[in-house]
Amino acid sequence: MRRNLISLTGLFFAVALVLPTIARAADNYKVDSVHSFVVFNIDHLGLNKAWGRTAGPSGSLMIDDADPSKSKLAVEVAADSIDTGNAGRDKHLKGPDFFDVKQFPKIAFNSTQVRKSGDNTYEVTGEFNLHGQSKPVTVTLTKLGEGDKGPQMGHRAGYGTEFTLKRSDFGMTTMQGMVGDEVKIYVNLEAVKQ
């Protein structure tokens, strides 16, 4: 009897150790462009913030809680989708003075390293590609939620981050002083498990 109890106790602990690993197994997610957003602001004349957005980002992500170093994140937006609510300004931004969208059509981020930094946060380092230049950037990615939303919407997860870049680091130096150098970027991604 005692031997059976010890065996059952050992089996219970083995299952208890294995189940969390199974539950946390990594899944691949595709970014839902319709329900994902990139918004930014930049200083104007030292008086105000000018705001803009892009059309929904596309990409994929895989977060592996059991081994975060295996996690990957790849996101891109079309530079031509930049929208500040003013057609003249948007045309100028898309031209050679700023984004030069004909020559550099994509803005992209591809992770090179992911580590867990809290219960629902990850420190993600990757290459940010803008205006034909690639620079290392580290962001804090926060898991906002996850769940099965039924057969029509599928299993989804939401992640968000905000970070600041200097446009001059990417060769955009036009109108310095009139337009700030630092750009604050807000990203919210909703992704569907594949």
Protein backbone atom coordinates (compact mmCIF):
# COMPACT_ATOMS: atom_id res chain seq x y z
CA MET A 1 0.00 0.00 0.00
CA ARG A 2 2.75 2.40 0.96
CA ARG A 3 4.66 1.57 -2.23
CA ASN A 4 1.53 2.33 -4.31
CA LEU A 5 1.07 5.63 -2.49
CA ILE A 6 4.70 6.58 -3.18
CA SER A 7 4.28 5.62 -6.86
CA LEU A 8 1.09 7.66 -7.14
CA THR A 9 2.75 10.63 -5.45
CA GLY A 10 5.69 10.38 -7.85
CA LEU A 11 3.33 10.18 -10.84
CA PHE A 12 1.40 13.23 -9.58
CA PHE A 13 4.60 15.30 -9.31
CA ALA A 14 5.78 14.16 -12.74
CA VAL A 15 2.46 15.20 -14.30
CA ALA A 16 2.53 18.49 -12.37
CA LEU A 17 5.97 19.24 -13.82
CA VAL A 18 5.11 18.25 -17.40
CA LEU A 19 1.68 19.90 -17.74
CA PRO A 20 2.87 23.52 -17.47
CA THR A 21 5.45 22.82 -20.18
CA ILE A 22 2.75 21.38 -22.46
CA ALA A 23 0.41 24.28 -21.70
CA ARG A 24 3.11 26.80 -22.54
CA ALA A 25 4.21 25.17 -25.79
CA ALA A 26 4.82 27.78 -28.47
CA ASP A 27 2.28 28.46 -31.19
CA ASN A 28 2.62 30.42 -34.38
CA TYR A 29 0.41 33.49 -34.80
CA LYS A 30 -0.36 35.62 -37.84
CA VAL A 31 -0.89 39.35 -37.27
CA ASP A 32 -4.48 40.42 -38.01
CA SER A 33 -3.90 43.64 -39.96
CA VAL A 34 -7.51 44.78 -39.51
CA HIS A 35 -7.29 44.72 -35.72
CA SER A 36 -3.65 45.83 -35.28
CA PHE A 37 -2.41 49.41 -35.14
CA VAL A 38 0.71 51.57 -35.44
CA VAL A 39 0.35 55.18 -34.26
CA PHE A 40 3.10 57.77 -33.84
CA ASN A 41 3.69 61.34 -32.74
CA ILE A 42 6.46 63.88 -33.21
CA ASP A 43 7.13 67.35 -31.85
CA HIS A 44 6.06 70.31 -34.01
CA LEU A 45 7.76 73.69 -33.38
CA GLY A 46 8.27 72.77 -29.74
CA LEU A 47 4.60 73.61 -29.19
CA ASN A 48 2.55 70.55 -29.98
CA LYS A 49 2.57 66.90 -31.03
CA ALA A 50 1.73 66.00 -34.61
CA TRP A 51 0.07 62.59 -34.82
CA GLY A 52 -0.10 59.97 -37.55
CA ARG A 53 -0.75 56.33 -38.21
CA THR A 54 -0.11 53.63 -40.77
CA ALA A 55 -2.43 51.05 -42.27
CA GLY A 56 -2.53 47.85 -40.24
CA PRO A 57 0.77 46.02 -39.85
CA SER A 58 1.33 42.51 -41.13
CA GLY A 59 3.63 39.82 -39.82
CA SER A 60 3.96 36.86 -37.52
CA LEU A 61 4.94 36.05 -33.99
CA MET A 62 5.79 33.04 -31.90
CA ILE A 63 6.22 33.45 -28.16
CA ASP A 64 7.68 30.42 -26.38
CA ASP A 65 7.26 30.83 -22.62
CA ALA A 66 9.10 27.56 -21.94
CA ASP A 67 12.16 28.84 -23.83
CA PRO A 68 11.79 32.56 -24.67
CA SER A 69 15.07 32.49 -26.64
CA LYS A 70 13.19 30.53 -29.35
CA SER A 71 10.55 33.27 -29.67
CA LYS A 72 10.32 35.33 -32.86
CA LEU A 73 8.56 38.50 -33.97
CA ALA A 74 8.42 39.93 -37.49
CA VAL A 75 6.26 42.96 -38.31
CA GLU A 76 6.12 45.32 -41.28
CA VAL A 77 4.02 48.21 -42.55
CA ALA A 78 3.80 49.86 -45.96
CA ALA A 79 5.53 53.25 -45.80
CA ASP A 80 3.06 54.55 -48.40
CA SER A 81 0.21 54.01 -45.89
CA ILE A 82 1.36 56.85 -43.57
CA ASP A 83 -1.62 59.07 -42.78
CA THR A 84 -1.50 62.27 -40.71
CA GLY A 85 -4.95 63.52 -41.72
CA ASN A 86 -3.60 66.10 -44.18
CA ALA A 87 -3.07 65.13 -47.85
CA GLY A 88 -0.40 67.80 -48.49
CA ARG A 89 1.64 66.85 -45.46
CA ASP A 90 1.28 63.15 -46.27
CA LYS A 91 2.56 63.73 -49.80
CA HIS A 92 5.59 65.59 -48.41
CA LEU A 93 6.27 62.84 -45.85
CA LYS A 94 6.13 60.15 -48.54
CA GLY A 95 8.56 62.06 -50.77
CA PRO A 96 12.39 62.19 -50.84
CA ASP A 97 12.64 64.65 -47.90
CA PHE A 98 11.33 62.04 -45.47
CA PHE A 99 10.27 58.43 -46.05
CA ASP A 100 10.98 58.29 -49.81
CA VAL A 101 8.42 55.50 -50.15
CA LYS A 102 9.19 54.77 -53.81
CA GLN A 103 12.73 53.81 -52.91
CA PHE A 104 11.99 52.38 -49.43
CA PRO A 105 8.46 50.88 -49.51
CA LYS A 106 8.58 48.93 -46.23
CA ILE A 107 9.18 49.71 -42.57
CA ALA A 108 10.02 46.49 -40.74
CA PHE A 109 11.09 45.00 -37.41
CA ASN A 110 12.59 41.50 -37.09
CA SER A 111 13.56 40.16 -33.69
CA THR A 112 17.01 38.78 -33.02
CA GLN A 113 16.60 38.05 -29.30
CA VAL A 114 13.67 37.64 -26.90
CA ARG A 115 13.83 37.23 -23.15
CA LYS A 116 11.07 37.13 -20.55
CA SER A 117 11.24 40.18 -18.29
CA GLY A 118 8.05 39.76 -16.20
CA ASP A 119 4.79 37.83 -15.87
CA ASN A 120 3.39 39.27 -19.12
CA THR A 121 6.37 41.17 -20.52
CA TYR A 122 9.25 40.37 -22.85
CA GLU A 123 12.36 42.30 -23.76
CA VAL A 124 12.61 42.04 -27.53
CA THR A 125 15.71 43.12 -29.43
CA GLY A 126 15.69 43.25 -33.20
CA GLU A 127 16.60 45.08 -36.37
CA PHE A 128 14.39 48.06 -37.20
CA ASN A 129 14.53 48.85 -40.90
CA LEU A 130 13.47 52.35 -41.97
CA HIS A 131 14.45 54.56 -44.90
CA GLY A 132 16.87 51.91 -46.17
CA GLN A 133 18.80 51.75 -42.91
CA SER A 134 18.75 49.04 -40.27
CA LYS A 135 19.46 49.71 -36.59
CA PRO A 136 19.18 47.55 -33.46
CA VAL A 137 16.20 48.44 -31.26
CA THR A 138 15.04 46.94 -27.96
CA VAL A 139 11.41 47.20 -26.88
CA THR A 140 9.31 45.92 -24.01
CA LEU A 141 6.47 43.80 -25.41
CA THR A 142 3.47 43.33 -23.11
CA LYS A 143 0.97 40.51 -23.51
CA LEU A 144 -2.46 42.15 -23.29
CA GLY A 145 -4.62 39.02 -23.46
CA GLU A 146 -5.25 35.67 -25.10
CA GLY A 147 -8.20 33.38 -25.68
CA ASP A 148 -10.35 31.32 -27.99
CA LYS A 149 -12.91 33.66 -29.55
CA GLY A 150 -14.99 31.01 -31.27
CA PRO A 151 -14.95 29.40 -34.72
CA GLN A 152 -15.31 32.69 -36.62
CA MET A 153 -12.50 34.60 -34.88
CA GLY A 154 -10.26 31.74 -33.73
CA HIS A 155 -7.71 31.65 -30.93
CA ARG A 156 -6.16 35.12 -30.57
CA ALA A 157 -3.51 36.93 -28.58
CA GLY A 158 -2.84 40.63 -28.15
CA TYR A 159 0.51 42.36 -27.58
CA GLY A 160 1.52 45.99 -27.24
CA THR A 161 4.63 48.13 -27.05
CA GLU A 162 5.69 51.76 -27.22
CA PHE A 163 9.16 53.08 -27.92
CA THR A 164 11.04 56.13 -29.19
CA LEU A 165 13.31 56.41 -32.24
CA LYS A 166 15.42 59.28 -33.56
CA ARG A 167 14.61 59.85 -37.21
CA SER A 168 18.11 61.24 -37.78
CA ASP A 169 19.52 57.79 -36.91
CA PHE A 170 17.82 56.58 -40.10
CA GLY A 171 18.99 59.42 -42.33
CA MET A 172 15.87 61.62 -42.04
CA THR A 173 17.25 65.03 -41.18
CA THR A 174 15.00 67.40 -43.18
CA MET A 175 13.38 70.26 -41.22
CA GLN A 176 15.27 69.64 -37.99
CA GLY A 177 14.15 72.23 -35.45
CA MET A 178 10.76 72.73 -37.05
CA VAL A 179 9.96 69.02 -36.70
CA GLY A 180 11.39 67.09 -33.77
CA ASP A 181 13.98 64.35 -34.06
CA GLU A 182 12.37 61.89 -31.65
CA VAL A 183 9.36 59.91 -32.83
CA LYS A 184 7.19 58.11 -30.27
CA ILE A 185 5.69 54.93 -31.72
CA TYR A 186 2.80 52.89 -30.30
CA VAL A 187 2.16 49.37 -31.61
CA ASN A 188 -0.76 47.08 -30.77
CA LEU A 189 -0.86 43.67 -32.42
CA GLU A 190 -3.78 41.25 -32.47
CA ALA A 191 -2.75 37.89 -33.88
CA VAL A 192 -4.53 34.66 -34.81
CA LYS A 193 -3.12 31.24 -33.96
CA GLN A 194 -2.33 29.26 -37.10
